[in-house]
């Protein structure tokens, strides 16, 4: 990860970092072997820097945290779920361009 603003989420810190966050959190459900997941990583790095203070970007490896992926019904990756006040505000799937991420985030803030 290029941006130090991206948080790595696991079963251990999901509650505090995502559900307990006062700032909206965009969680990237991804895996090492997923090509489209790797394709959007640079875009997420840019968004983490550009939107710092408005939204937090977090990455959750579905291979290592299957319980959370199952709980939020993540059946394909990449899946992006925006959490606001501890609740799911919106979700989208697939490798999309930066403008789609910006629209997705801005309409949910």
Foldseek 3Di string as FASTA:
>chain_A
DPAPQEAEDAPVCCCCPALVDQAKEKEWAAAPVDPLSVVCVVLLRVCSVVCPPRYGYYYYHCVRHVVVCVVVVPPDPRKIFIGHNRHTQDIDHTRDDSVVVVVVSVVRD
